[in-house]
Structure formats: structure tokens, C-alpha cells
Amino acid sequence: MKAAQVGVAEFDARIRRAEYLASQHPFAAEVLRFYSRVAKFQKEFYADIKIKKDTAAQLTSRPPGSLRAPMPSGDADLLFSRLKSFLSLLAQAAPPTLATAARDISKQDAVANLALLNAYWDLGGMNDQFIGAFAQFIPRAFAQPLAELLAAHTSAPPAVSTVHRCPLCGGQPLLGVLRPEGDGAKRRMMCSFCLQEWDFRRIYCPACGEEDEKKLPVYVAEQFPHIRVEACESCKVCVRTIDLATNGNAVPVVDDLAAIPLSLWSQEHGYTRLQPNLLGT
């Protein structure tokens, strides 16, 4: 299976959707407008790395499932330069605590900054301890365009059963996505690291493998009719699923950010999200 192609148009779609949802959901407007600025940076960074010859040379002949082996190293100067720009953006536009973290990281030298990125890359975002309160956000938001570009040039190994983690990079599922197919909709999982999607069974918990439909309730709030909270009573983990058959205008990674009330509802009912989104909700 070949990963889906991603281009600057995908980032444009995310930016437009964030701006639209900010106008529709005042409670999420600040979050979405901040994300819009991050997505604009990601779009520019994606365009930069796509045309770099050193990166392009490393996009070919990557064996199946090798997205994170290793992180491209030929563009260290570009990575450091763009990271400085990103940290500057965060220092100006991010919420106060995150802005402070960005300023602290920006004081480090190139070796330390690149070590931070490599640590996140090597672990596939699965360790949230190595940079404190914002362990995930800075390396995750910065590295995601590179991960998406590499995913577009990496083949997944053949699947012989339901795969719980991303077949390209081993990242945990961020979201479920229901895409129209025939008279129904096909369930897929979206990776929290490279945003690649892969096929997934409809009645199946991605955390513990529970298959009993009675233990896998689905909740839908009237405010977000196209977003399902798919819970598991066995492990008390939930996955949020964006139903594109219900709303074809939705952009999964953005609509998820707007659904702040669903995060509060899940917490109140004792469900833990398998993997938080970029902004930790």
C-alpha cells in the first residue's frame, strides 16, 4: 500500500477549515486561530524541504515501513534555521506557557535543538517526558510536515491482520476517519506522527483489541453530528472519529481541534484518549 500524496493544497485546506470553524465555534476560536498560524508555518516548511535536493535524494529507495529510519540528516542547516523561525513564531503567538518554553529552547545551540528533534523522531512521538510541560507540541508540530512528506514516498508493508499502530512509522492512532465507500463508510485510522491513514476494522478497539460490540459504545453530540466518540468499556480508552460520510467538508485534524467539549465529556465519563491531538486535547 502506497501512502497518500500530500501537498501544500492540504495545508491550505486545513488553514481554511480552521478559520471557518473559528467563526462558528467561539469557544474554540483562540485555539483554531493559533493552529492556523502553525499550519501556515508548516505549509512553508513543507514547501522548503520538498525542493531541497538533499532531502529529495533520501526520499527514494526507502524500504517499506521505514519512515523513521533515519530522520533525514542532509538538511541540518535548513532544519535549524526553520526551527528558529518556528520558535520565534511561538514566542509571539502561542499561549504564555508555551511561548516561554519556546523562548527557553531558542536559547539552546544547534546541536541541542537538533538533538531534541531527533529524540522525538526516533521515538515516534511515543515519549512525552523529555522536554517538560510541552514535551509533545514543539517537536511534533515542527516535524510533522517532514513526516508527511516522507510518508508520501514510503510504502507500507503488506497487512496480514488489523494493525494497531501506523504501518509506516509505528505511531499511535490519533483519529478514526470514516470515508464514504459504496453505500456505507470505511473506517480508517490516522497516525498521530505522520498523519498517514490505514484500513481498520469497524468493531474493534485500537487500544486493547476488544471485539464485543456491546462493550464498544459510540457517542455523538448534537453540537458535532459528524464526530463520534468511540469508547471501550474494557480498557476505558476512546478514539474520536470524524465521519466524512456525514460531513464531507470536514478536515479531520482541524475538526478534532474544534471539538473541545467532547474532550471534557470524555474526561467526565472516565475515558482516556488513546493519543491527544497536537494541542493536547
C-alpha atoms as a PDB file:
ATOM      1  CA  MET A   1       0.000   0.000   0.000  1.00  0.00           C
ATOM      2  CA  LYS A   2       1.369   3.394  -1.001  1.00  0.00           C
ATOM      3  CA  ALA A   3       0.911   6.346   1.322  1.00  0.00           C
ATOM      4  CA  ALA A   4      -1.413   9.125   0.197  1.00  0.00           C
ATOM      5  CA  GLN A   5       0.134  12.099  -1.525  1.00  0.00           C
ATOM      6  CA  VAL A   6       0.187  15.345   0.448  1.00  0.00           C
ATOM      7  CA  GLY A   7       0.935  18.789  -0.902  1.00  0.00           C
ATOM      8  CA  VAL A   8       0.619  22.438   0.016  1.00  0.00           C
ATOM      9  CA  ALA A   9      -3.056  22.264  -1.003  1.00  0.00           C
ATOM     10  CA  GLU A  10      -3.697  20.022   2.009  1.00  0.00           C
ATOM     11  CA  PHE A  11      -2.234  22.663   4.318  1.00  0.00           C
ATOM     12  CA  ASP A  12      -4.368  25.316   2.605  1.00  0.00           C
ATOM     13  CA  ALA A  13      -7.446  23.189   3.288  1.00  0.00           C
ATOM     14  CA  ARG A  14      -6.504  22.920   6.968  1.00  0.00           C
ATOM     15  CA  ILE A  15      -5.980  26.666   7.248  1.00  0.00           C
ATOM     16  CA  ARG A  16      -9.316  27.482   5.582  1.00  0.00           C
ATOM     17  CA  ARG A  17     -11.142  24.980   7.760  1.00  0.00           C
ATOM     18  CA  ALA A  18      -9.563  26.343  10.938  1.00  0.00           C
ATOM     19  CA  GLU A  19     -10.590  29.879  10.056  1.00  0.00           C
ATOM     20  CA  TYR A  20     -14.131  28.755   9.207  1.00  0.00           C
ATOM     21  CA  LEU A  21     -14.587  26.738  12.402  1.00  0.00           C
ATOM     22  CA  ALA A  22     -13.182  29.617  14.459  1.00  0.00           C
ATOM     23  CA  SER A  23     -16.048  31.744  13.155  1.00  0.00           C
ATOM     24  CA  GLN A  24     -18.582  29.022  14.019  1.00  0.00           C
ATOM     25  CA  HIS A  25     -17.346  27.984  17.472  1.00  0.00           C
ATOM     26  CA  PRO A  26     -16.355  30.970  19.641  1.00  0.00           C
ATOM     27  CA  PHE A  27     -15.233  28.677  22.474  1.00  0.00           C
ATOM     28  CA  ALA A  28     -12.560  27.211  20.162  1.00  0.00           C
ATOM     29  CA  ALA A  29     -11.691  30.372  18.230  1.00  0.00           C
ATOM     30  CA  GLU A  30      -8.437  31.112  20.062  1.00  0.00           C
ATOM     31  CA  VAL A  31      -7.189  27.543  19.671  1.00  0.00           C
ATOM     32  CA  LEU A  32      -8.110  27.397  15.997  1.00  0.00           C
ATOM     33  CA  ARG A  33      -6.580  30.757  15.109  1.00  0.00           C
ATOM     34  CA  PHE A  34      -3.354  29.726  16.800  1.00  0.00           C
ATOM     35  CA  TYR A  35      -3.412  26.431  14.918  1.00  0.00           C
ATOM     36  CA  SER A  36      -3.981  28.361  11.675  1.00  0.00           C
ATOM     37  CA  ARG A  37      -0.718  30.232  12.220  1.00  0.00           C
ATOM     38  CA  VAL A  38       1.076  26.965  12.956  1.00  0.00           C
ATOM     39  CA  ALA A  39      -0.377  25.398   9.798  1.00  0.00           C
ATOM     40  CA  LYS A  40       0.815  28.346   7.713  1.00  0.00           C
ATOM     41  CA  PHE A  41       4.335  27.771   9.016  1.00  0.00           C
ATOM     42  CA  GLN A  42       4.036  24.047   8.324  1.00  0.00           C
ATOM     43  CA  LYS A  43       2.951  24.779   4.759  1.00  0.00           C
ATOM     44  CA  GLU A  44       6.008  26.954   4.123  1.00  0.00           C
ATOM     45  CA  PHE A  45       8.327  24.441   5.778  1.00  0.00           C
ATOM     46  CA  TYR A  46       6.839  21.611   3.719  1.00  0.00           C
ATOM     47  CA  ALA A  47       7.478  23.566   0.523  1.00  0.00           C
ATOM     48  CA  ASP A  48      11.066  24.288   1.622  1.00  0.00           C
ATOM     49  CA  ILE A  49      12.007  20.698   2.353  1.00  0.00           C
ATOM     50  CA  LYS A  50      10.231  19.334  -0.711  1.00  0.00           C
ATOM     51  CA  ILE A  51      12.520  21.199  -3.111  1.00  0.00           C
ATOM     52  CA  LYS A  52      15.783  20.566  -1.245  1.00  0.00           C
ATOM     53  CA  LYS A  53      17.973  18.207  -3.246  1.00  0.00           C
ATOM     54  CA  ASP A  54      19.492  16.565  -0.165  1.00  0.00           C
ATOM     55  CA  THR A  55      16.061  15.667   1.133  1.00  0.00           C
ATOM     56  CA  ALA A  56      14.823  14.534  -2.272  1.00  0.00           C
ATOM     57  CA  ALA A  57      17.747  12.128  -2.559  1.00  0.00           C
ATOM     58  CA  GLN A  58      16.724  10.484   0.703  1.00  0.00           C
ATOM     59  CA  LEU A  59      13.088  10.093  -0.354  1.00  0.00           C
ATOM     60  CA  THR A  60      13.902   7.377  -2.861  1.00  0.00           C
ATOM     61  CA  SER A  61      14.549   3.693  -2.169  1.00  0.00           C
ATOM     62  CA  ARG A  62      13.078   3.749   1.323  1.00  0.00           C
ATOM     63  CA  PRO A  63      12.097   0.183   2.270  1.00  0.00           C
ATOM     64  CA  PRO A  64       8.503  -0.484   3.422  1.00  0.00           C
ATOM     65  CA  GLY A  65       7.706   0.803   6.898  1.00  0.00           C
ATOM     66  CA  SER A  66      10.986   2.747   7.167  1.00  0.00           C
ATOM     67  CA  LEU A  67       9.689   6.291   7.550  1.00  0.00           C
ATOM     68  CA  ARG A  68      11.598   6.921  10.779  1.00  0.00           C
ATOM     69  CA  ALA A  69      14.794   5.115   9.834  1.00  0.00           C
ATOM     70  CA  PRO A  70      16.542   7.503   9.920  1.00  0.00           C
ATOM     71  CA  MET A  71      15.464  11.137  10.085  1.00  0.00           C
ATOM     72  CA  PRO A  72      16.951  12.899   7.003  1.00  0.00           C
ATOM     73  CA  SER A  73      20.245  14.430   8.098  1.00  0.00           C
ATOM     74  CA  GLY A  74      21.385  16.225   4.959  1.00  0.00           C
ATOM     75  CA  ASP A  75      19.385  19.360   5.744  1.00  0.00           C
ATOM     76  CA  ALA A  76      20.644  20.160   9.240  1.00  0.00           C
ATOM     77  CA  ASP A  77      21.168  23.838   8.398  1.00  0.00           C
ATOM     78  CA  LEU A  78      17.651  24.136   6.995  1.00  0.00           C
ATOM     79  CA  LEU A  79      16.142  22.315   9.971  1.00  0.00           C
ATOM     80  CA  PHE A  80      17.924  24.544  12.467  1.00  0.00           C
ATOM     81  CA  SER A  81      17.050  27.727  10.572  1.00  0.00           C
ATOM     82  CA  ARG A  82      13.376  26.813  10.237  1.00  0.00           C
ATOM     83  CA  LEU A  83      13.200  25.660  13.861  1.00  0.00           C
ATOM     84  CA  LYS A  84      14.462  29.073  14.942  1.00  0.00           C
ATOM     85  CA  SER A  85      11.711  30.680  12.869  1.00  0.00           C
ATOM     86  CA  PHE A  86       9.129  28.374  14.398  1.00  0.00           C
ATOM     87  CA  LEU A  87      10.270  29.118  17.934  1.00  0.00           C
ATOM     88  CA  SER A  88      10.094  32.829  17.160  1.00  0.00           C
ATOM     89  CA  LEU A  89       6.520  32.390  15.934  1.00  0.00           C
ATOM     90  CA  LEU A  90       5.580  30.543  19.119  1.00  0.00           C
ATOM     91  CA  ALA A  91       7.239  33.174  21.294  1.00  0.00           C
ATOM     92  CA  GLN A  92       4.963  35.776  19.705  1.00  0.00           C
ATOM     93  CA  ALA A  93       1.712  33.905  19.078  1.00  0.00           C
ATOM     94  CA  ALA A  94       1.489  30.944  21.474  1.00  0.00           C
ATOM     95  CA  PRO A  95      -0.247  30.865  24.863  1.00  0.00           C
ATOM     96  CA  PRO A  96       2.045  32.263  27.592  1.00  0.00           C
ATOM     97  CA  THR A  97       3.442  28.997  28.980  1.00  0.00           C
ATOM     98  CA  LEU A  98       4.180  27.580  25.553  1.00  0.00           C
ATOM     99  CA  ALA A  99       5.695  30.903  24.465  1.00  0.00           C
ATOM    100  CA  THR A 100       8.044  30.752  27.455  1.00  0.00           C
ATOM    101  CA  ALA A 101       9.055  27.183  26.607  1.00  0.00           C
ATOM    102  CA  ALA A 102       9.782  28.262  23.031  1.00  0.00           C
ATOM    103  CA  ARG A 103      11.994  31.121  24.231  1.00  0.00           C
ATOM    104  CA  ASP A 104      13.907  28.747  26.506  1.00  0.00           C
ATOM    105  CA  ILE A 105      14.510  26.240  23.707  1.00  0.00           C
ATOM    106  CA  SER A 106      15.555  29.010  21.311  1.00  0.00           C
ATOM    107  CA  LYS A 107      18.433  29.855  23.649  1.00  0.00           C
ATOM    108  CA  GLN A 108      19.967  26.426  23.025  1.00  0.00           C
ATOM    109  CA  ASP A 109      22.547  25.867  20.309  1.00  0.00           C
ATOM    110  CA  ALA A 110      22.038  23.962  17.058  1.00  0.00           C
ATOM    111  CA  VAL A 111      23.352  20.689  18.492  1.00  0.00           C
ATOM    112  CA  ALA A 112      20.848  20.748  21.357  1.00  0.00           C
ATOM    113  CA  ASN A 113      17.962  21.781  19.105  1.00  0.00           C
ATOM    114  CA  LEU A 114      18.630  19.049  16.577  1.00  0.00           C
ATOM    115  CA  ALA A 115      19.052  16.514  19.384  1.00  0.00           C
ATOM    116  CA  LEU A 116      15.564  17.448  20.580  1.00  0.00           C
ATOM    117  CA  LEU A 117      14.125  16.812  17.118  1.00  0.00           C
ATOM    118  CA  ASN A 118      15.999  13.552  16.700  1.00  0.00           C
ATOM    119  CA  ALA A 119      14.841  12.294  20.101  1.00  0.00           C
ATOM    120  CA  TYR A 120      11.226  12.926  19.177  1.00  0.00           C
ATOM    121  CA  TRP A 121      11.704  11.431  15.702  1.00  0.00           C
ATOM    122  CA  ASP A 122      13.436   8.289  16.968  1.00  0.00           C
ATOM    123  CA  LEU A 123      10.655   7.636  19.470  1.00  0.00           C
ATOM    124  CA  GLY A 124       7.864   8.390  17.023  1.00  0.00           C
ATOM    125  CA  GLY A 125       6.230  10.758  19.487  1.00  0.00           C
ATOM    126  CA  MET A 126       5.685   7.963  21.994  1.00  0.00           C
ATOM    127  CA  ASN A 127       7.656   9.519  24.869  1.00  0.00           C
ATOM    128  CA  ASP A 128       6.301  12.688  26.481  1.00  0.00           C
ATOM    129  CA  GLN A 129       8.855  13.196  29.220  1.00  0.00           C
ATOM    130  CA  PHE A 130      11.926  14.722  27.649  1.00  0.00           C
ATOM    131  CA  ILE A 131      11.053  18.444  27.426  1.00  0.00           C
ATOM    132  CA  GLY A 132       8.642  19.075  30.246  1.00  0.00           C
ATOM    133  CA  ALA A 133       5.150  20.545  30.016  1.00  0.00           C
ATOM    134  CA  PHE A 134       5.242  20.909  26.237  1.00  0.00           C
ATOM    135  CA  ALA A 135       7.054  17.665  25.510  1.00  0.00           C
ATOM    136  CA  GLN A 136       4.896  16.893  22.515  1.00  0.00           C
ATOM    137  CA  PHE A 137       3.942  20.167  20.891  1.00  0.00           C
ATOM    138  CA  ILE A 138       7.163  21.799  19.710  1.00  0.00           C
ATOM    139  CA  PRO A 139       8.903  18.802  18.083  1.00  0.00           C
ATOM    140  CA  ARG A 140       5.587  17.321  16.961  1.00  0.00           C
ATOM    141  CA  ALA A 141       4.294  20.454  15.237  1.00  0.00           C
ATOM    142  CA  PHE A 142       7.678  21.160  13.690  1.00  0.00           C
ATOM    143  CA  ALA A 143       8.474  17.642  12.455  1.00  0.00           C
ATOM    144  CA  GLN A 144       5.024  16.798  11.133  1.00  0.00           C
ATOM    145  CA  PRO A 145       5.496  18.350   7.644  1.00  0.00           C
ATOM    146  CA  LEU A 146       8.689  16.331   7.198  1.00  0.00           C
ATOM    147  CA  ALA A 147       6.950  13.168   8.398  1.00  0.00           C
ATOM    148  CA  GLU A 148       4.081  13.778   5.977  1.00  0.00           C
ATOM    149  CA  LEU A 149       6.475  14.323   3.079  1.00  0.00           C
ATOM    150  CA  LEU A 150       8.354  11.124   3.832  1.00  0.00           C
ATOM    151  CA  ALA A 151       5.080   9.230   4.256  1.00  0.00           C
ATOM    152  CA  ALA A 152       4.165  10.219   0.703  1.00  0.00           C
ATOM    153  CA  HIS A 153       7.292   8.414  -0.514  1.00  0.00           C
ATOM    154  CA  THR A 154       7.197   5.341   1.724  1.00  0.00           C
ATOM    155  CA  SER A 155       5.290   2.125   1.129  1.00  0.00           C
ATOM    156  CA  ALA A 156       3.648   0.231   3.964  1.00  0.00           C
ATOM    157  CA  PRO A 157       4.402  -3.488   4.319  1.00  0.00           C
ATOM    158  CA  PRO A 158       1.529  -5.842   3.442  1.00  0.00           C
ATOM    159  CA  ALA A 159      -1.025  -6.093   6.261  1.00  0.00           C
ATOM    160  CA  VAL A 160      -1.927  -9.617   7.334  1.00  0.00           C
ATOM    161  CA  SER A 161      -4.196  -8.575  10.219  1.00  0.00           C
ATOM    162  CA  THR A 162      -5.601  -5.445  11.878  1.00  0.00           C
ATOM    163  CA  VAL A 163      -2.621  -3.200  12.613  1.00  0.00           C
ATOM    164  CA  HIS A 164      -2.832  -1.255  15.881  1.00  0.00           C
ATOM    165  CA  ARG A 165      -0.014   1.171  15.029  1.00  0.00           C
ATOM    166  CA  CYS A 166       0.824   3.065  11.874  1.00  0.00           C
ATOM    167  CA  PRO A 167       2.360   0.624   9.366  1.00  0.00           C
ATOM    168  CA  LEU A 168       4.720   3.334   8.139  1.00  0.00           C
ATOM    169  CA  CYS A 169       6.196   4.684  11.350  1.00  0.00           C
ATOM    170  CA  GLY A 170       4.716   2.803  14.308  1.00  0.00           C
ATOM    171  CA  GLY A 171       2.921   5.863  15.665  1.00  0.00           C
ATOM    172  CA  GLN A 172      -0.283   5.541  17.682  1.00  0.00           C
ATOM    173  CA  PRO A 173      -3.662   6.334  16.139  1.00  0.00           C
ATOM    174  CA  LEU A 174      -4.733   9.940  16.547  1.00  0.00           C
ATOM    175  CA  LEU A 175      -8.175   9.707  14.986  1.00  0.00           C
ATOM    176  CA  GLY A 176     -10.544   7.386  13.290  1.00  0.00           C
ATOM    177  CA  VAL A 177     -11.823   8.524   9.904  1.00  0.00           C
ATOM    178  CA  LEU A 178     -14.948   7.238   8.184  1.00  0.00           C
ATOM    179  CA  ARG A 179     -14.699   7.724   4.425  1.00  0.00           C
ATOM    180  CA  PRO A 180     -17.640   7.101   2.076  1.00  0.00           C
ATOM    181  CA  GLU A 181     -17.370   3.830   0.206  1.00  0.00           C
ATOM    182  CA  GLY A 182     -20.196   2.267  -1.773  1.00  0.00           C
ATOM    183  CA  ASP A 183     -23.412   2.527   0.228  1.00  0.00           C
ATOM    184  CA  GLY A 184     -21.591   2.952   3.533  1.00  0.00           C
ATOM    185  CA  ALA A 185     -18.355   4.210   5.008  1.00  0.00           C
ATOM    186  CA  LYS A 186     -14.990   2.564   5.536  1.00  0.00           C
ATOM    187  CA  ARG A 187     -13.141   3.004   8.823  1.00  0.00           C
ATOM    188  CA  ARG A 188      -9.518   4.054   8.792  1.00  0.00           C
ATOM    189  CA  MET A 189      -7.075   5.193  11.468  1.00  0.00           C
ATOM    190  CA  MET A 190      -4.964   8.330  11.160  1.00  0.00           C
ATOM    191  CA  CYS A 191      -1.447   8.294  12.608  1.00  0.00           C
ATOM    192  CA  SER A 192      -0.565  10.866  15.269  1.00  0.00           C
ATOM    193  CA  PHE A 193       3.012  11.106  13.952  1.00  0.00           C
ATOM    194  CA  CYS A 194       2.859  11.188  10.137  1.00  0.00           C
ATOM    195  CA  LEU A 195      -0.927  11.625   9.629  1.00  0.00           C
ATOM    196  CA  GLN A 196      -0.987   8.613   7.302  1.00  0.00           C
ATOM    197  CA  GLU A 197      -4.238   6.619   7.248  1.00  0.00           C
ATOM    198  CA  TRP A 198      -4.593   2.848   7.209  1.00  0.00           C
ATOM    199  CA  ASP A 199      -7.585   0.488   6.993  1.00  0.00           C
ATOM    200  CA  PHE A 200      -9.113  -0.586  10.285  1.00  0.00           C
ATOM    201  CA  ARG A 201     -11.969  -2.856  11.363  1.00  0.00           C
ATOM    202  CA  ARG A 202     -15.255  -1.152  12.299  1.00  0.00           C
ATOM    203  CA  ILE A 203     -15.993  -3.124  15.501  1.00  0.00           C
ATOM    204  CA  TYR A 204     -12.598  -3.256  17.162  1.00  0.00           C
ATOM    205  CA  CYS A 205     -10.816  -1.284  19.900  1.00  0.00           C
ATOM    206  CA  PRO A 206      -7.443   0.034  18.673  1.00  0.00           C
ATOM    207  CA  ALA A 207      -6.124   0.068  22.227  1.00  0.00           C
ATOM    208  CA  CYS A 208      -6.963  -3.383  23.635  1.00  0.00           C
ATOM    209  CA  GLY A 209      -8.483  -5.275  20.720  1.00  0.00           C
ATOM    210  CA  GLU A 210     -11.964  -5.639  22.256  1.00  0.00           C
ATOM    211  CA  GLU A 211     -14.425  -7.033  19.670  1.00  0.00           C
ATOM    212  CA  ASP A 212     -17.677  -7.234  21.631  1.00  0.00           C
ATOM    213  CA  GLU A 213     -19.966  -4.598  20.149  1.00  0.00           C
ATOM    214  CA  LYS A 214     -21.795  -4.247  23.466  1.00  0.00           C
ATOM    215  CA  LYS A 215     -18.552  -3.074  25.083  1.00  0.00           C
ATOM    216  CA  LEU A 216     -17.794  -0.566  22.324  1.00  0.00           C
ATOM    217  CA  PRO A 217     -20.391   2.220  22.701  1.00  0.00           C
ATOM    218  CA  VAL A 218     -20.435   5.166  20.323  1.00  0.00           C
ATOM    219  CA  TYR A 219     -21.444   8.650  21.453  1.00  0.00           C
ATOM    220  CA  VAL A 220     -22.381  11.580  19.207  1.00  0.00           C
ATOM    221  CA  ALA A 221     -23.090  15.087  20.495  1.00  0.00           C
ATOM    222  CA  GLU A 222     -25.771  17.186  18.812  1.00  0.00           C
ATOM    223  CA  GLN A 223     -23.254  20.025  18.509  1.00  0.00           C
ATOM    224  CA  PHE A 224     -20.876  17.844  16.432  1.00  0.00           C
ATOM    225  CA  PRO A 225     -23.037  15.335  14.497  1.00  0.00           C
ATOM    226  CA  HIS A 226     -20.100  14.260  12.314  1.00  0.00           C
ATOM    227  CA  ILE A 227     -17.758  13.441  15.199  1.00  0.00           C
ATOM    228  CA  ARG A 228     -18.098  10.139  17.037  1.00  0.00           C
ATOM    229  CA  VAL A 229     -16.563   9.300  20.393  1.00  0.00           C
ATOM    230  CA  GLU A 230     -15.871   5.578  20.065  1.00  0.00           C
ATOM    231  CA  ALA A 231     -15.278   4.228  23.563  1.00  0.00           C
ATOM    232  CA  CYS A 232     -14.218   0.890  25.011  1.00  0.00           C
ATOM    233  CA  GLU A 233     -15.673  -0.277  28.310  1.00  0.00           C
ATOM    234  CA  SER A 234     -12.929  -2.885  28.682  1.00  0.00           C
ATOM    235  CA  CYS A 235      -9.941  -0.520  28.740  1.00  0.00           C
ATOM    236  CA  LYS A 236     -11.768   2.849  29.140  1.00  0.00           C
ATOM    237  CA  VAL A 237      -9.900   4.283  26.147  1.00  0.00           C
ATOM    238  CA  CYS A 238     -11.707   6.311  23.500  1.00  0.00           C
ATOM    239  CA  VAL A 239     -10.936   7.320  19.942  1.00  0.00           C
ATOM    240  CA  ARG A 240     -12.549  10.287  18.246  1.00  0.00           C
ATOM    241  CA  THR A 241     -13.716   9.536  14.702  1.00  0.00           C
ATOM    242  CA  ILE A 242     -14.505  12.088  12.011  1.00  0.00           C
ATOM    243  CA  ASP A 243     -17.368  10.892   9.823  1.00  0.00           C
ATOM    244  CA  LEU A 244     -16.795  12.286   6.332  1.00  0.00           C
ATOM    245  CA  ALA A 245     -19.909  10.493   5.122  1.00  0.00           C
ATOM    246  CA  THR A 246     -21.906  12.820   7.373  1.00  0.00           C
ATOM    247  CA  ASN A 247     -19.903  15.989   6.656  1.00  0.00           C
ATOM    248  CA  GLY A 248     -17.762  15.935   3.546  1.00  0.00           C
ATOM    249  CA  ASN A 249     -16.378  19.402   4.291  1.00  0.00           C
ATOM    250  CA  ALA A 250     -14.660  18.290   7.481  1.00  0.00           C
ATOM    251  CA  VAL A 251     -10.875  18.218   7.691  1.00  0.00           C
ATOM    252  CA  PRO A 252     -10.166  15.580  10.360  1.00  0.00           C
ATOM    253  CA  VAL A 253      -7.137  17.108  12.105  1.00  0.00           C
ATOM    254  CA  VAL A 254      -8.872  20.512  12.282  1.00  0.00           C
ATOM    255  CA  ASP A 255     -12.400  19.454  13.212  1.00  0.00           C
ATOM    256  CA  ASP A 256     -10.861  17.431  16.017  1.00  0.00           C
ATOM    257  CA  LEU A 257      -9.253  20.564  17.466  1.00  0.00           C
ATOM    258  CA  ALA A 258     -12.606  22.369  17.472  1.00  0.00           C
ATOM    259  CA  ALA A 259     -14.368  19.629  19.435  1.00  0.00           C
ATOM    260  CA  ILE A 260     -13.190  20.800  22.846  1.00  0.00           C
ATOM    261  CA  PRO A 261     -16.499  19.920  24.590  1.00  0.00           C
ATOM    262  CA  LEU A 262     -16.011  16.284  23.578  1.00  0.00           C
ATOM    263  CA  SER A 263     -12.697  16.217  25.430  1.00  0.00           C
ATOM    264  CA  LEU A 264     -14.406  17.492  28.577  1.00  0.00           C
ATOM    265  CA  TRP A 265     -17.231  14.975  28.164  1.00  0.00           C
ATOM    266  CA  SER A 266     -14.794  12.086  27.792  1.00  0.00           C
ATOM    267  CA  GLN A 267     -12.891  13.082  30.907  1.00  0.00           C
ATOM    268  CA  GLU A 268     -16.087  13.407  32.934  1.00  0.00           C
ATOM    269  CA  HIS A 269     -17.153   9.902  31.896  1.00  0.00           C
ATOM    270  CA  GLY A 270     -13.812   8.301  32.711  1.00  0.00           C
ATOM    271  CA  TYR A 271     -12.495   7.757  29.185  1.00  0.00           C
ATOM    272  CA  THR A 272      -8.874   8.457  28.268  1.00  0.00           C
ATOM    273  CA  ARG A 273      -7.990   9.375  24.751  1.00  0.00           C
ATOM    274  CA  LEU A 274      -5.602   6.948  23.057  1.00  0.00           C
ATOM    275  CA  GLN A 275      -3.495   9.814  21.735  1.00  0.00           C
ATOM    276  CA  PRO A 276      -4.131  13.563  22.274  1.00  0.00           C
ATOM    277  CA  ASN A 277      -4.183  15.891  19.295  1.00  0.00           C
ATOM    278  CA  LEU A 278      -1.492  18.433  18.529  1.00  0.00           C
ATOM    279  CA  LEU A 279      -2.778  20.856  21.160  1.00  0.00           C
ATOM    280  CA  GLY A 280      -3.129  18.194  23.834  1.00  0.00           C
ATOM    281  CA  THR A 281      -6.930  17.871  23.961  1.00  0.00           C
END
